Amino acid sequence: MDFGAWLLRRGLPWVFRPSDPMSDLNETIQKAYDYRGDVTVTLKDGSEVVGFLFNREMRATSRLPEPFVEMMIAGSEERRLIPLSKIAKIDLTGEDAAAGKSWEEWMAKQTSKKAHPG
């Protein structure tokens, strides 16, 4: 098991910091993308963006000439593209809405709802 997975299983934050040689931005972005809670992205200018990271593109595209992440900003309908070159660090800060829950539990709940609507 990798160190990041170990931290997340214990409810501890996974943080990307470029000065840490063990951290890898691509790996951290994938963890943030897989996380089912809000993340805090600290930009190189010191500002922070808090929200749900729902998209990432690790190559330049027609939408943006450099790699980016896309977030739904917490508490609003705003969506924001953030170029990777502007990211200083990423923290998994919000509660993972699915922590401790399994696919089987979700399926049982859905089956129960269908059997007993209302």
N, C-alpha and C. Protein backbone atom coordinates (compact mmCIF):
# COMPACT_ATOMS: atom_id res chain seq x y z
N MET A 1 0.85 -1.17 0.00
CA MET A 1 0.00 0.00 0.00
C MET A 1 0.90 1.24 0.00
N ASP A 2 0.52 2.23 -0.81
CA ASP A 2 1.36 3.43 -0.83
C ASP A 2 1.03 4.33 0.37
N PHE A 3 1.92 5.24 0.67
CA PHE A 3 1.80 6.09 1.83
C PHE A 3 0.53 6.96 1.78
N GLY A 4 0.20 7.48 0.59
CA GLY A 4 -1.00 8.32 0.45
C GLY A 4 -2.26 7.55 0.79
N ALA A 5 -2.38 6.31 0.32
CA ALA A 5 -3.55 5.48 0.63
C ALA A 5 -3.61 5.20 2.13
N TRP A 6 -2.44 4.95 2.75
CA TRP A 6 -2.39 4.71 4.18
C TRP A 6 -2.92 5.93 4.95
N LEU A 7 -2.49 7.13 4.55
CA LEU A 7 -2.96 8.34 5.21
C LEU A 7 -4.47 8.50 5.07
N LEU A 8 -4.98 8.33 3.84
CA LEU A 8 -6.40 8.53 3.60
C LEU A 8 -7.25 7.54 4.37
N ARG A 9 -6.81 6.30 4.49
CA ARG A 9 -7.57 5.29 5.24
C ARG A 9 -7.67 5.65 6.71
N ARG A 10 -6.75 6.41 7.20
CA ARG A 10 -6.76 6.81 8.60
C ARG A 10 -7.38 8.20 8.79
N GLY A 11 -7.95 8.75 7.74
CA GLY A 11 -8.59 10.06 7.83
C GLY A 11 -7.61 11.20 7.95
N LEU A 12 -6.34 10.94 7.61
CA LEU A 12 -5.33 11.99 7.68
C LEU A 12 -5.20 12.66 6.32
N PRO A 13 -4.82 13.91 6.28
CA PRO A 13 -4.76 14.63 5.00
C PRO A 13 -3.61 14.14 4.11
N TRP A 14 -3.88 14.14 2.82
CA TRP A 14 -2.84 13.90 1.82
C TRP A 14 -2.53 15.27 1.24
N VAL A 15 -1.28 15.65 1.28
CA VAL A 15 -0.88 16.99 0.85
C VAL A 15 0.22 16.87 -0.19
N PHE A 16 0.09 17.63 -1.27
CA PHE A 16 1.17 17.75 -2.26
C PHE A 16 1.91 19.04 -1.98
N ARG A 17 3.21 18.92 -1.84
CA ARG A 17 4.06 20.10 -1.72
C ARG A 17 5.26 19.87 -2.64
N PRO A 18 5.49 20.74 -3.61
CA PRO A 18 6.58 20.54 -4.57
C PRO A 18 7.94 20.37 -3.93
N SER A 19 8.16 20.93 -2.76
CA SER A 19 9.46 20.81 -2.12
C SER A 19 9.68 19.41 -1.53
N ASP A 20 8.63 18.61 -1.46
CA ASP A 20 8.73 17.26 -0.93
C ASP A 20 9.04 16.31 -2.07
N PRO A 21 10.25 15.74 -2.12
CA PRO A 21 10.62 14.90 -3.25
C PRO A 21 9.79 13.62 -3.36
N MET A 22 9.09 13.24 -2.29
CA MET A 22 8.29 12.02 -2.34
C MET A 22 6.92 12.27 -2.97
N SER A 23 6.52 13.53 -3.08
CA SER A 23 5.22 13.86 -3.65
C SER A 23 5.31 13.97 -5.16
N ASP A 24 4.26 13.60 -5.80
CA ASP A 24 4.19 13.70 -7.25
C ASP A 24 2.86 14.35 -7.60
N LEU A 25 2.90 15.44 -8.34
CA LEU A 25 1.69 16.19 -8.65
C LEU A 25 0.65 15.33 -9.37
N ASN A 26 1.06 14.54 -10.34
CA ASN A 26 0.09 13.71 -11.06
C ASN A 26 -0.61 12.74 -10.13
N GLU A 27 0.14 12.10 -9.26
CA GLU A 27 -0.44 11.16 -8.30
C GLU A 27 -1.40 11.87 -7.36
N THR A 28 -1.01 13.04 -6.89
CA THR A 28 -1.84 13.79 -5.97
C THR A 28 -3.12 14.25 -6.64
N ILE A 29 -3.03 14.70 -7.88
CA ILE A 29 -4.24 15.10 -8.60
C ILE A 29 -5.17 13.91 -8.77
N GLN A 30 -4.63 12.74 -9.08
CA GLN A 30 -5.47 11.55 -9.21
C GLN A 30 -6.16 11.22 -7.88
N LYS A 31 -5.44 11.34 -6.76
CA LYS A 31 -6.04 11.10 -5.45
C LYS A 31 -7.15 12.12 -5.17
N ALA A 32 -6.90 13.38 -5.50
CA ALA A 32 -7.91 14.42 -5.30
C ALA A 32 -9.12 14.17 -6.19
N TYR A 33 -8.90 13.71 -7.40
CA TYR A 33 -9.99 13.39 -8.34
C TYR A 33 -10.82 12.22 -7.81
N ASP A 34 -10.17 11.22 -7.25
CA ASP A 34 -10.87 10.04 -6.72
C ASP A 34 -11.55 10.32 -5.39
N TYR A 35 -11.12 11.36 -4.69
CA TYR A 35 -11.66 11.70 -3.38
C TYR A 35 -13.09 12.21 -3.54
N ARG A 36 -13.98 11.84 -2.63
CA ARG A 36 -15.37 12.23 -2.76
C ARG A 36 -15.74 13.30 -1.75
N GLY A 37 -14.82 14.20 -1.56
CA GLY A 37 -15.04 15.34 -0.68
C GLY A 37 -14.34 16.55 -1.27
N ASP A 38 -14.48 17.68 -0.59
CA ASP A 38 -13.82 18.90 -1.07
C ASP A 38 -12.32 18.83 -0.86
N VAL A 39 -11.62 19.54 -1.72
CA VAL A 39 -10.18 19.69 -1.61
C VAL A 39 -9.86 21.18 -1.55
N THR A 40 -8.70 21.49 -1.01
CA THR A 40 -8.22 22.86 -1.01
C THR A 40 -6.98 22.91 -1.88
N VAL A 41 -7.05 23.72 -2.93
CA VAL A 41 -5.91 23.92 -3.81
C VAL A 41 -5.32 25.28 -3.47
N THR A 42 -4.07 25.26 -3.05
CA THR A 42 -3.37 26.51 -2.77
C THR A 42 -2.57 26.87 -4.01
N LEU A 43 -2.81 28.08 -4.49
CA LEU A 43 -2.12 28.54 -5.69
C LEU A 43 -0.78 29.18 -5.32
N LYS A 44 0.08 29.30 -6.29
CA LYS A 44 1.41 29.86 -6.06
C LYS A 44 1.37 31.30 -5.58
N ASP A 45 0.25 32.01 -5.86
CA ASP A 45 0.12 33.39 -5.38
C ASP A 45 -0.38 33.45 -3.94
N GLY A 46 -0.59 32.26 -3.32
CA GLY A 46 -1.03 32.20 -1.93
C GLY A 46 -2.53 32.08 -1.74
N SER A 47 -3.31 32.31 -2.78
CA SER A 47 -4.76 32.19 -2.66
C SER A 47 -5.17 30.72 -2.63
N GLU A 48 -6.36 30.46 -2.09
CA GLU A 48 -6.85 29.09 -2.00
C GLU A 48 -8.17 28.95 -2.73
N VAL A 49 -8.37 27.79 -3.32
CA VAL A 49 -9.62 27.45 -3.99
C VAL A 49 -10.13 26.18 -3.31
N VAL A 50 -11.36 26.25 -2.77
CA VAL A 50 -11.94 25.11 -2.07
C VAL A 50 -13.13 24.62 -2.86
N GLY A 51 -13.18 23.33 -3.09
CA GLY A 51 -14.32 22.75 -3.80
C GLY A 51 -14.05 21.31 -4.19
N PHE A 52 -14.92 20.81 -5.05
CA PHE A 52 -14.85 19.43 -5.49
C PHE A 52 -14.10 19.37 -6.82
N LEU A 53 -13.00 18.63 -6.85
CA LEU A 53 -12.21 18.48 -8.06
C LEU A 53 -12.85 17.36 -8.89
N PHE A 54 -13.53 17.74 -9.98
CA PHE A 54 -14.29 16.75 -10.74
C PHE A 54 -13.70 16.42 -12.11
N ASN A 55 -12.67 17.13 -12.53
CA ASN A 55 -12.07 16.88 -13.83
C ASN A 55 -10.61 17.24 -13.77
N ARG A 56 -9.82 16.51 -14.55
CA ARG A 56 -8.40 16.85 -14.68
C ARG A 56 -7.94 16.44 -16.06
N GLU A 57 -7.08 17.25 -16.61
CA GLU A 57 -6.50 16.96 -17.93
C GLU A 57 -5.01 17.16 -17.79
N MET A 58 -4.27 16.09 -17.95
CA MET A 58 -2.84 16.12 -17.70
C MET A 58 -2.02 16.50 -18.93
N ARG A 59 -2.72 16.83 -20.02
CA ARG A 59 -2.05 17.29 -21.25
C ARG A 59 -2.74 18.56 -21.73
N ALA A 60 -2.07 19.32 -22.55
CA ALA A 60 -2.69 20.49 -23.17
C ALA A 60 -3.82 20.03 -24.07
N THR A 61 -4.89 20.84 -24.13
CA THR A 61 -6.05 20.50 -24.95
C THR A 61 -6.50 21.74 -25.72
N SER A 62 -7.56 21.56 -26.49
CA SER A 62 -8.12 22.71 -27.19
C SER A 62 -8.79 23.68 -26.22
N ARG A 63 -9.21 23.20 -25.04
CA ARG A 63 -9.82 24.07 -24.02
C ARG A 63 -8.79 24.98 -23.36
N LEU A 64 -7.60 24.43 -23.14
CA LEU A 64 -6.56 25.18 -22.45
C LEU A 64 -5.21 24.69 -22.95
N PRO A 65 -4.31 25.59 -23.27
CA PRO A 65 -3.03 25.17 -23.87
C PRO A 65 -2.06 24.54 -22.87
N GLU A 66 -2.49 24.28 -21.66
CA GLU A 66 -1.65 23.59 -20.69
C GLU A 66 -2.53 22.70 -19.80
N PRO A 67 -1.94 21.73 -19.12
CA PRO A 67 -2.72 20.83 -18.25
C PRO A 67 -3.46 21.62 -17.17
N PHE A 68 -4.61 21.07 -16.72
CA PHE A 68 -5.43 21.78 -15.74
C PHE A 68 -6.24 20.80 -14.90
N VAL A 69 -6.78 21.33 -13.79
CA VAL A 69 -7.82 20.65 -13.03
C VAL A 69 -9.05 21.53 -13.11
N GLU A 70 -10.21 20.94 -12.91
CA GLU A 70 -11.46 21.69 -12.94
C GLU A 70 -12.22 21.39 -11.65
N MET A 71 -12.70 22.45 -11.02
CA MET A 71 -13.37 22.31 -9.72
C MET A 71 -14.72 22.97 -9.70
N MET A 72 -15.64 22.40 -8.92
CA MET A 72 -16.89 23.06 -8.55
C MET A 72 -16.59 23.74 -7.22
N ILE A 73 -16.74 25.05 -7.17
CA ILE A 73 -16.37 25.81 -5.99
C ILE A 73 -17.39 25.58 -4.88
N ALA A 74 -16.90 25.32 -3.68
CA ALA A 74 -17.76 25.06 -2.53
C ALA A 74 -18.72 26.22 -2.29
N GLY A 75 -19.98 25.89 -2.06
CA GLY A 75 -20.98 26.91 -1.73
C GLY A 75 -21.48 27.73 -2.89
N SER A 76 -21.16 27.35 -4.12
CA SER A 76 -21.64 28.12 -5.27
C SER A 76 -21.83 27.19 -6.46
N GLU A 77 -22.32 27.75 -7.53
CA GLU A 77 -22.50 27.00 -8.78
C GLU A 77 -21.28 27.18 -9.70
N GLU A 78 -20.32 27.97 -9.25
CA GLU A 78 -19.15 28.29 -10.08
C GLU A 78 -18.28 27.07 -10.34
N ARG A 79 -17.79 26.97 -11.56
CA ARG A 79 -16.80 25.97 -11.95
C ARG A 79 -15.55 26.74 -12.36
N ARG A 80 -14.41 26.19 -12.01
CA ARG A 80 -13.17 26.92 -12.28
C ARG A 80 -12.10 25.98 -12.82
N LEU A 81 -11.44 26.42 -13.89
CA LEU A 81 -10.28 25.72 -14.44
C LEU A 81 -9.03 26.31 -13.79
N ILE A 82 -8.14 25.43 -13.33
CA ILE A 82 -6.89 25.87 -12.71
C ILE A 82 -5.73 25.20 -13.43
N PRO A 83 -4.89 25.98 -14.10
CA PRO A 83 -3.71 25.39 -14.75
C PRO A 83 -2.78 24.76 -13.71
N LEU A 84 -2.22 23.60 -14.02
CA LEU A 84 -1.32 22.93 -13.08
C LEU A 84 -0.13 23.80 -12.72
N SER A 85 0.31 24.63 -13.64
CA SER A 85 1.47 25.48 -13.38
C SER A 85 1.23 26.49 -12.27
N LYS A 86 -0.03 26.71 -11.88
CA LYS A 86 -0.35 27.67 -10.82
C LYS A 86 -0.53 27.01 -9.46
N ILE A 87 -0.47 25.66 -9.39
CA ILE A 87 -0.75 24.95 -8.15
C ILE A 87 0.51 24.83 -7.30
N ALA A 88 0.40 25.27 -6.04
CA ALA A 88 1.49 25.12 -5.07
C ALA A 88 1.30 23.85 -4.24
N LYS A 89 0.06 23.57 -3.82
CA LYS A 89 -0.22 22.36 -3.06
C LYS A 89 -1.70 22.01 -3.13
N ILE A 90 -1.99 20.77 -2.80
CA ILE A 90 -3.37 20.27 -2.78
C ILE A 90 -3.58 19.52 -1.48
N ASP A 91 -4.64 19.87 -0.74
CA ASP A 91 -5.00 19.19 0.49
C ASP A 91 -6.39 18.58 0.33
N LEU A 92 -6.57 17.35 0.80
CA LEU A 92 -7.90 16.74 0.85
C LEU A 92 -8.49 17.18 2.18
N THR A 93 -9.31 18.22 2.15
CA THR A 93 -9.74 18.88 3.38
C THR A 93 -11.17 18.58 3.79
N GLY A 94 -12.05 18.33 2.83
CA GLY A 94 -13.45 18.08 3.17
C GLY A 94 -13.67 16.64 3.56
N GLU A 95 -14.81 16.40 4.19
CA GLU A 95 -15.16 15.04 4.57
C GLU A 95 -15.47 14.23 3.32
N ASP A 96 -14.92 13.05 3.23
CA ASP A 96 -15.21 12.13 2.12
C ASP A 96 -16.61 11.59 2.35
N ALA A 97 -17.55 11.98 1.50
CA ALA A 97 -18.95 11.60 1.66
C ALA A 97 -19.17 10.10 1.63
N ALA A 98 -18.24 9.36 1.09
CA ALA A 98 -18.39 7.91 0.99
C ALA A 98 -17.44 7.15 1.92
N ALA A 99 -16.78 7.85 2.82
CA ALA A 99 -15.82 7.18 3.70
C ALA A 99 -16.50 6.09 4.52
N GLY A 100 -15.91 4.92 4.50
CA GLY A 100 -16.44 3.81 5.27
C GLY A 100 -17.64 3.14 4.66
N LYS A 101 -18.06 3.58 3.51
CA LYS A 101 -19.23 3.01 2.85
C LYS A 101 -18.75 2.16 1.68
N SER A 102 -19.47 1.12 1.42
CA SER A 102 -19.08 0.24 0.33
C SER A 102 -20.13 0.26 -0.77
N TRP A 103 -19.74 -0.22 -1.92
CA TRP A 103 -20.65 -0.35 -3.05
C TRP A 103 -21.81 -1.26 -2.67
N GLU A 104 -21.53 -2.32 -1.94
CA GLU A 104 -22.57 -3.27 -1.56
C GLU A 104 -23.62 -2.60 -0.67
N GLU A 105 -23.18 -1.76 0.27
CA GLU A 105 -24.12 -1.04 1.13
C GLU A 105 -24.99 -0.10 0.31
N TRP A 106 -24.39 0.58 -0.65
CA TRP A 106 -25.15 1.50 -1.50
C TRP A 106 -26.19 0.74 -2.30
N MET A 107 -25.78 -0.38 -2.88
CA MET A 107 -26.71 -1.19 -3.67
C MET A 107 -27.86 -1.71 -2.81
N ALA A 108 -27.59 -2.15 -1.59
CA ALA A 108 -28.64 -2.63 -0.68
C ALA A 108 -29.62 -1.51 -0.38
N LYS A 109 -29.13 -0.30 -0.17
CA LYS A 109 -29.99 0.84 0.11
C LYS A 109 -30.88 1.16 -1.11
N GLN A 110 -30.29 1.12 -2.31
CA GLN A 110 -31.07 1.39 -3.53
C GLN A 110 -32.14 0.32 -3.75
N THR A 111 -31.81 -0.93 -3.50
CA THR A 111 -32.77 -2.02 -3.63
C THR A 111 -33.91 -1.83 -2.65
N SER A 112 -33.57 -1.44 -1.43
CA SER A 112 -34.59 -1.20 -0.41
C SER A 112 -35.52 -0.05 -0.80
N LYS A 113 -34.95 1.02 -1.36
CA LYS A 113 -35.76 2.16 -1.80
C LYS A 113 -36.75 1.74 -2.90
N LYS A 114 -36.29 0.90 -3.82
CA LYS A 114 -37.17 0.44 -4.89
C LYS A 114 -38.25 -0.46 -4.37
N ALA A 115 -37.95 -1.27 -3.37
CA ALA A 115 -38.93 -2.19 -2.80
C ALA A 115 -39.95 -1.46 -1.93
N HIS A 116 -39.54 -0.36 -1.34
CA HIS A 116 -40.41 0.41 -0.44
C HIS A 116 -40.38 1.88 -0.81
N PRO A 117 -40.97 2.26 -1.97
CA PRO A 117 -40.94 3.66 -2.38
C PRO A 117 -41.75 4.54 -1.42
N GLY A 118 -41.33 5.77 -1.34
CA GLY A 118 -42.11 6.72 -0.57
C GLY A 118 -41.40 7.27 0.53
